[in-house]
């Protein structure tokens, strides 16, 4: 890890003493290659569990996982991979600013990370493979669709999440290494689709506040009427990206990820689901759907507050009623 950090720091020094692209390439390529070869080399000292019927699938996967030092080496090498590929392409004269080149870099990174996951049994390699594939997917379709809208990116994330989760389910059915980590990458894509409206709305709201605050009162009557409210700057400039449907989607997906994570003992899914619930709380608590449409916040308990409390009480009472009925 220290070797990888040293290579990155040395790379950030620019091109001292006339260093060219070849020297910069070697600075990251040599450490990346050495670390990767050490990580995916012959497995030794891995404590395999016997695959009897009394051993669960999760325990079999953990028993076949690589040692911690091997995982650290693999992750460090994978993270250096995109930098090495960038420097190589610059050395051979390729324009690295083109979207298709960026997509190709992350696609190759996904293959390298996937190989580490299966060849060296590095579970985190599957997570990095999923995230790299997700970036490549978004960049590629961003170029194909020619500057798609945020809603288009939302649906791209939904499709990517479905694909990643399906692949993770297939791996889990075979007790393969990295199934939970790949599912976590799919969960990140699924949650990302639900929070795009929150992120874009917040950013546009901040920009709207700055631009509106610098103008006269005649130019920004909406801002004057909403002074005193912390998020009153989120106006129709966000184009209603976060509506009721996406709030409901975010709630259901977050709860589903937490439930699945608890059932299959995949902590990453639980963490991602928890982050999704926090984003849902921000959206509903701050009433972003109303603010983005230009309406004022409401103090009524009808709507999400009443629905959530009712559903929560129903969930708590359901087991009690079932036990009474069985007895």
Protein backbone atom coordinates (compact mmCIF):
# COMPACT_ATOMS: atom_id res chain seq x y z
CA UNK A 1 0.00 0.00 0.00
CA UNK A 2 2.84 2.39 0.85
CA UNK A 3 4.43 1.56 -2.50
CA UNK A 4 1.19 2.45 -4.29
CA UNK A 5 0.86 5.69 -2.35
CA UNK A 6 4.44 6.59 -3.15
CA UNK A 7 3.83 6.01 -6.85
CA UNK A 8 0.77 8.27 -6.84
CA UNK A 9 2.55 11.03 -4.91
CA UNK A 10 5.52 10.83 -7.26
CA UNK A 11 3.15 11.02 -10.22
CA UNK A 12 1.56 14.20 -8.88
CA UNK A 13 4.92 15.94 -8.89
CA UNK A 14 4.44 16.61 -12.57
CA UNK A 15 7.37 16.12 -14.92
CA UNK A 16 10.44 17.26 -12.97
CA UNK A 17 13.82 17.24 -14.71
CA UNK A 18 12.20 16.76 -18.08
CA UNK A 19 10.43 13.49 -17.26
CA UNK A 20 8.23 12.40 -20.13
CA UNK A 21 5.21 10.14 -20.43
CA UNK A 22 7.35 7.00 -20.52
CA UNK A 23 8.89 7.74 -17.13
CA UNK A 24 5.48 8.63 -15.69
CA UNK A 25 4.11 5.38 -17.11
CA UNK A 26 6.85 3.34 -15.45
CA UNK A 27 6.25 5.12 -12.14
CA UNK A 28 2.75 3.62 -11.87
CA UNK A 29 3.00 0.59 -14.14
CA UNK A 30 5.86 -1.13 -12.32
CA UNK A 31 4.29 -0.93 -8.82
CA UNK A 32 0.88 -1.91 -10.21
CA UNK A 33 2.29 -4.93 -12.05
CA UNK A 34 4.40 -6.08 -9.10
CA UNK A 35 1.55 -5.74 -6.60
CA UNK A 36 -0.92 -7.47 -8.90
CA UNK A 37 1.39 -10.40 -9.61
CA UNK A 38 2.05 -10.85 -5.90
CA UNK A 39 -1.70 -10.76 -5.22
CA UNK A 40 -2.79 -13.22 -7.89
CA UNK A 41 0.20 -15.52 -7.49
CA UNK A 42 0.00 -19.05 -6.14
CA UNK A 43 -2.37 -19.21 -3.18
CA UNK A 44 -0.60 -20.38 -0.07
CA UNK A 45 -1.71 -20.74 3.47
CA UNK A 46 -5.40 -20.29 2.75
CA UNK A 47 -7.43 -22.16 5.30
CA UNK A 48 -10.03 -24.05 3.28
CA UNK A 49 -13.14 -25.26 5.02
CA UNK A 50 -14.35 -28.69 4.18
CA UNK A 51 -17.38 -28.45 1.95
CA UNK A 52 -19.70 -30.68 3.93
CA UNK A 53 -23.42 -30.23 4.21
CA UNK A 54 -23.03 -28.88 7.76
CA UNK A 55 -21.10 -25.84 6.51
CA UNK A 56 -23.15 -22.96 5.18
CA UNK A 57 -22.46 -21.29 1.86
CA UNK A 58 -21.31 -18.06 3.55
CA UNK A 59 -18.84 -20.00 5.69
CA UNK A 60 -17.48 -21.84 2.66
CA UNK A 61 -16.93 -18.55 0.86
CA UNK A 62 -15.18 -17.01 3.87
CA UNK A 63 -13.01 -20.09 4.23
CA UNK A 64 -11.84 -19.82 0.62
CA UNK A 65 -11.17 -16.07 0.77
CA UNK A 66 -7.66 -14.73 0.30
CA UNK A 67 -5.48 -13.66 3.20
CA UNK A 68 -5.80 -9.96 4.19
CA UNK A 69 -2.35 -9.09 2.85
CA UNK A 70 -3.24 -10.51 -0.54
CA UNK A 71 -6.44 -8.46 -0.61
CA UNK A 72 -4.53 -5.28 0.23
CA UNK A 73 -2.05 -5.91 -2.58
CA UNK A 74 -4.80 -6.64 -5.09
CA UNK A 75 -6.86 -3.57 -4.21
CA UNK A 76 -3.79 -1.33 -4.36
CA UNK A 77 -2.84 -2.72 -7.78
CA UNK A 78 -6.39 -2.36 -9.12
CA UNK A 79 -6.58 1.28 -8.02
CA UNK A 80 -3.27 1.98 -9.76
CA UNK A 81 -4.55 0.31 -12.93
CA UNK A 82 -6.51 3.25 -14.41
CA UNK A 83 -3.58 5.60 -13.78
CA UNK A 84 -1.20 3.21 -15.54
CA UNK A 85 -3.54 2.88 -18.51
CA UNK A 86 -3.96 6.65 -18.73
CA UNK A 87 -0.21 7.17 -18.82
CA UNK A 88 0.23 4.40 -21.38
CA UNK A 89 -2.36 5.93 -23.70
CA UNK A 90 -0.80 9.35 -23.34
CA UNK A 91 2.59 7.84 -24.14
CA UNK A 92 1.28 6.34 -27.38
CA UNK A 93 -0.49 9.59 -28.30
CA UNK A 94 -4.14 8.72 -27.62
CA UNK A 95 -6.51 11.52 -26.57
CA UNK A 96 -7.48 10.38 -23.07
CA UNK A 97 -10.19 13.01 -22.78
CA UNK A 98 -12.52 11.17 -25.16
CA UNK A 99 -15.46 9.45 -23.40
CA UNK A 100 -14.99 6.17 -25.28
CA UNK A 101 -11.37 6.02 -24.11
CA UNK A 102 -12.46 6.61 -20.51
CA UNK A 103 -15.12 3.90 -20.85
CA UNK A 104 -12.53 1.50 -22.22
CA UNK A 105 -10.15 2.21 -19.34
CA UNK A 106 -12.78 1.41 -16.75
CA UNK A 107 -13.96 -1.64 -18.69
CA UNK A 108 -10.42 -3.04 -18.64
CA UNK A 109 -10.16 -2.14 -14.95
CA UNK A 110 -13.33 -4.17 -14.34
CA UNK A 111 -11.77 -7.17 -16.08
CA UNK A 112 -8.57 -6.85 -14.05
CA UNK A 113 -10.51 -6.55 -10.81
CA UNK A 114 -12.74 -9.47 -11.73
CA UNK A 115 -9.72 -11.62 -12.44
CA UNK A 116 -8.31 -10.75 -9.02
CA UNK A 117 -11.60 -11.71 -7.42
CA UNK A 118 -11.64 -15.18 -8.97
CA UNK A 119 -7.94 -15.96 -9.44
CA UNK A 120 -6.78 -14.72 -6.04
CA UNK A 121 -10.17 -15.01 -4.27
CA UNK A 122 -10.09 -11.31 -3.36
CA UNK A 123 -13.69 -10.44 -2.55
CA UNK A 124 -13.13 -6.70 -2.77
CA UNK A 125 -12.00 -7.23 -6.34
CA UNK A 126 -15.61 -8.04 -7.21
CA UNK A 127 -16.74 -4.74 -5.67
CA UNK A 128 -14.16 -2.78 -7.65
CA UNK A 129 -15.07 -4.73 -10.78
CA UNK A 130 -18.74 -3.85 -10.35
CA UNK A 131 -18.05 -0.17 -9.72
CA UNK A 132 -15.62 0.06 -12.65
CA UNK A 133 -18.14 -1.62 -14.94
CA UNK A 134 -20.79 0.81 -13.71
CA UNK A 135 -18.62 3.82 -14.58
CA UNK A 136 -17.84 2.36 -18.00
CA UNK A 137 -21.55 1.72 -18.57
CA UNK A 138 -22.55 5.30 -17.72
CA UNK A 139 -19.75 6.91 -19.73
CA UNK A 140 -20.46 4.72 -22.76
CA UNK A 141 -24.18 5.46 -22.79
CA UNK A 142 -23.49 9.11 -22.07
CA UNK A 143 -21.57 9.21 -25.34
CA UNK A 144 -24.13 7.16 -27.26
CA UNK A 145 -27.10 9.23 -26.10
CA UNK A 146 -25.16 12.52 -26.51
CA UNK A 147 -25.47 14.33 -23.17
CA UNK A 148 -28.47 12.51 -21.69
CA UNK A 149 -30.68 14.11 -19.08
CA UNK A 150 -30.46 13.25 -15.36
CA UNK A 151 -33.59 11.12 -15.75
CA UNK A 152 -31.90 9.15 -18.52
CA UNK A 153 -28.95 8.50 -16.23
CA UNK A 154 -31.44 7.38 -13.60
CA UNK A 155 -32.80 4.64 -15.81
CA UNK A 156 -29.29 3.66 -16.87
CA UNK A 157 -28.49 3.19 -13.20
CA UNK A 158 -31.63 1.12 -12.67
CA UNK A 159 -30.71 -1.18 -15.58
CA UNK A 160 -27.10 -1.45 -14.39
CA UNK A 161 -28.27 -2.26 -10.86
CA UNK A 162 -30.54 -5.01 -12.15
CA UNK A 163 -27.72 -6.55 -14.21
CA UNK A 164 -25.22 -6.43 -11.34
CA UNK A 165 -27.70 -7.91 -8.87
CA UNK A 166 -28.60 -10.72 -11.27
CA UNK A 167 -24.94 -11.59 -11.79
CA UNK A 168 -24.39 -11.45 -8.02
CA UNK A 169 -27.34 -13.79 -7.46
CA UNK A 170 -25.89 -16.25 -9.98
CA UNK A 171 -22.53 -16.13 -8.20
CA UNK A 172 -24.19 -16.58 -4.81
CA UNK A 173 -26.02 -19.65 -6.09
CA UNK A 174 -22.61 -21.17 -6.84
CA UNK A 175 -21.10 -20.02 -3.52
CA UNK A 176 -18.60 -17.95 -5.49
CA UNK A 177 -16.24 -15.41 -4.02
CA UNK A 178 -17.38 -11.77 -4.24
CA UNK A 179 -21.11 -12.31 -4.70
CA UNK A 180 -21.98 -10.03 -1.79
CA UNK A 181 -19.50 -7.38 -2.90
CA UNK A 182 -20.83 -7.38 -6.45
CA UNK A 183 -24.36 -7.10 -5.05
CA UNK A 184 -23.16 -4.09 -3.07
CA UNK A 185 -22.06 -2.44 -6.31
CA UNK A 186 -25.53 -3.15 -7.70
CA UNK A 187 -27.07 -1.65 -4.57
CA UNK A 188 -24.99 1.50 -5.01
CA UNK A 189 -26.32 1.83 -8.57
CA UNK A 190 -29.91 1.26 -7.38
CA UNK A 191 -29.63 3.86 -4.63
CA UNK A 192 -27.86 6.25 -6.99
CA UNK A 193 -30.90 6.21 -9.26
CA UNK A 194 -33.07 7.32 -6.36
CA UNK A 195 -30.86 10.14 -5.10
CA UNK A 196 -30.00 11.86 -8.39
CA UNK A 197 -32.95 14.19 -7.91
CA UNK A 198 -31.79 15.03 -4.38
CA UNK A 199 -28.22 15.76 -5.45
CA UNK A 200 -29.13 17.72 -8.57
CA UNK A 201 -31.87 19.62 -6.77
CA UNK A 202 -29.56 20.57 -3.92
CA UNK A 203 -26.77 21.72 -6.24
CA UNK A 204 -29.16 23.70 -8.42
CA UNK A 205 -30.73 25.16 -5.32
CA UNK A 206 -27.35 26.37 -4.04
CA UNK A 207 -26.53 27.88 -7.43
CA UNK A 208 -29.98 29.47 -7.54
CA UNK A 209 -29.44 30.96 -4.10
CA UNK A 210 -26.10 32.48 -5.03
CA UNK A 211 -27.33 33.89 -8.32
CA UNK A 212 -30.61 35.06 -6.85
CA UNK A 213 -29.02 36.60 -3.79
CA UNK A 214 -26.67 38.70 -5.92
CA UNK A 215 -29.53 40.24 -7.89
CA UNK A 216 -32.21 42.76 -6.96
CA UNK A 217 -35.42 41.94 -5.15
CA UNK A 218 -37.44 42.42 -8.33
CA UNK A 219 -35.36 39.76 -10.09
CA UNK A 220 -35.88 37.12 -7.42
CA UNK A 221 -39.28 37.49 -5.71
CA UNK A 222 -39.42 33.79 -5.00
CA UNK A 223 -36.23 33.94 -2.95
CA UNK A 224 -37.52 36.89 -0.93
CA UNK A 225 -40.79 35.11 -0.18
CA UNK A 226 -38.92 32.05 1.01
CA UNK A 227 -36.31 33.73 3.21
CA UNK A 228 -35.78 32.07 6.53
CA UNK A 229 -36.25 28.52 5.28
CA UNK A 230 -33.03 26.55 5.06
CA UNK A 231 -33.84 24.86 1.76
CA UNK A 232 -36.18 27.44 0.32
CA UNK A 233 -33.77 28.00 -2.53
CA UNK A 234 -34.73 24.72 -4.18
CA UNK A 235 -37.06 26.03 -6.84
CA UNK A 236 -38.40 24.84 -10.11
CA UNK A 237 -34.87 25.13 -11.55
CA UNK A 238 -34.43 21.49 -10.49
CA UNK A 239 -37.23 20.56 -12.91
CA UNK A 240 -39.01 18.35 -10.35
CA UNK A 241 -36.39 15.60 -10.52
CA UNK A 242 -37.31 14.26 -7.08
CA UNK A 243 -41.00 13.46 -7.08
CA UNK A 244 -43.22 11.12 -5.05
CA UNK A 245 -42.48 8.16 -7.30
CA UNK A 246 -38.72 8.38 -6.81
CA UNK A 247 -39.11 8.94 -3.08
CA UNK A 248 -41.19 5.76 -2.90
CA UNK A 249 -38.63 3.94 -5.05
CA UNK A 250 -35.82 5.07 -2.76
CA UNK A 251 -37.68 3.88 0.33
CA UNK A 252 -38.59 0.47 -1.07
CA UNK A 253 -35.15 -0.21 -2.57
CA UNK A 254 -33.37 0.85 0.63
CA UNK A 255 -35.54 -1.40 2.78
CA UNK A 256 -35.11 -4.27 0.31
CA UNK A 257 -31.32 -3.93 0.38
CA UNK A 258 -31.25 -3.93 4.18
CA UNK A 259 -33.52 -6.98 4.31
CA UNK A 260 -31.51 -8.89 1.71
CA UNK A 261 -28.25 -7.93 3.37
CA UNK A 262 -29.47 -9.25 6.72
CA UNK A 263 -30.66 -12.50 5.15
CA UNK A 264 -27.49 -13.28 3.21
CA UNK A 265 -25.14 -11.65 5.74
CA UNK A 266 -23.81 -9.08 3.28
CA UNK A 267 -22.92 -6.03 5.34
CA UNK A 268 -22.28 -3.88 2.28
CA UNK A 269 -25.91 -4.15 1.20
CA UNK A 270 -27.02 -3.07 4.67
CA UNK A 271 -24.71 -0.06 4.63
CA UNK A 272 -25.91 1.00 1.17
CA UNK A 273 -29.54 0.53 2.20
CA UNK A 274 -28.96 2.60 5.32
CA UNK A 275 -27.45 5.40 3.23
CA UNK A 276 -30.51 5.23 0.99
CA UNK A 277 -32.81 5.62 3.98
CA UNK A 278 -30.85 8.68 5.11
CA UNK A 279 -31.27 10.17 1.63
CA UNK A 280 -35.00 9.39 1.76
CA UNK A 281 -35.22 11.10 5.15
CA UNK A 282 -33.52 14.19 3.71
CA UNK A 283 -35.85 14.29 0.73
CA UNK A 284 -39.06 13.77 2.67
CA UNK A 285 -38.07 15.74 5.76
CA UNK A 286 -37.01 18.78 3.75
CA UNK A 287 -39.96 18.27 1.33
CA UNK A 288 -37.74 18.55 -1.71
CA UNK A 289 -40.56 17.53 -4.02
CA UNK A 290 -42.52 20.64 -3.03
CA UNK A 291 -39.52 22.95 -3.03
CA UNK A 292 -38.32 21.80 -6.44
CA UNK A 293 -41.78 22.49 -7.87
CA UNK A 294 -41.74 26.02 -6.43
CA UNK A 295 -44.26 25.35 -3.64
CA UNK A 296 -43.84 26.26 0.01
CA UNK A 297 -43.17 23.54 2.62
CA UNK A 298 -46.21 22.14 4.39
CA UNK A 299 -46.66 21.55 8.13
CA UNK A 300 -49.44 18.99 7.61
CA UNK A 301 -48.98 15.49 9.06
CA UNK A 302 -51.01 14.02 6.19
CA UNK A 303 -48.81 12.32 3.63
CA UNK A 304 -45.45 10.75 4.33
CA UNK A 305 -45.44 11.36 8.14
CA UNK A 306 -48.80 9.65 8.67
CA UNK A 307 -48.08 6.89 6.14
CA UNK A 308 -44.70 6.01 7.67
CA UNK A 309 -46.02 5.97 11.24
CA UNK A 310 -49.00 3.84 10.21
CA UNK A 311 -46.85 1.34 8.31
CA UNK A 312 -44.37 1.18 11.19
CA UNK A 313 -47.09 0.44 13.75
CA UNK A 314 -48.64 -2.15 11.43
CA UNK A 315 -45.27 -3.85 11.07
CA UNK A 316 -44.82 -4.01 14.82
CA UNK A 317 -48.34 -5.33 15.46
CA UNK A 318 -48.32 -7.95 12.69
CA UNK A 319 -46.15 -10.53 14.56
CA UNK A 320 -48.23 -10.14 17.72
CA UNK A 321 -51.48 -10.72 15.87
CA UNK A 322 -50.04 -13.74 14.06
CA UNK A 323 -48.92 -15.33 17.33
CA UNK A 324 -52.36 -14.82 18.89
CA UNK A 325 -54.02 -16.37 15.86
CA UNK A 326 -51.71 -19.41 15.96
CA UNK A 327 -52.31 -19.92 19.68
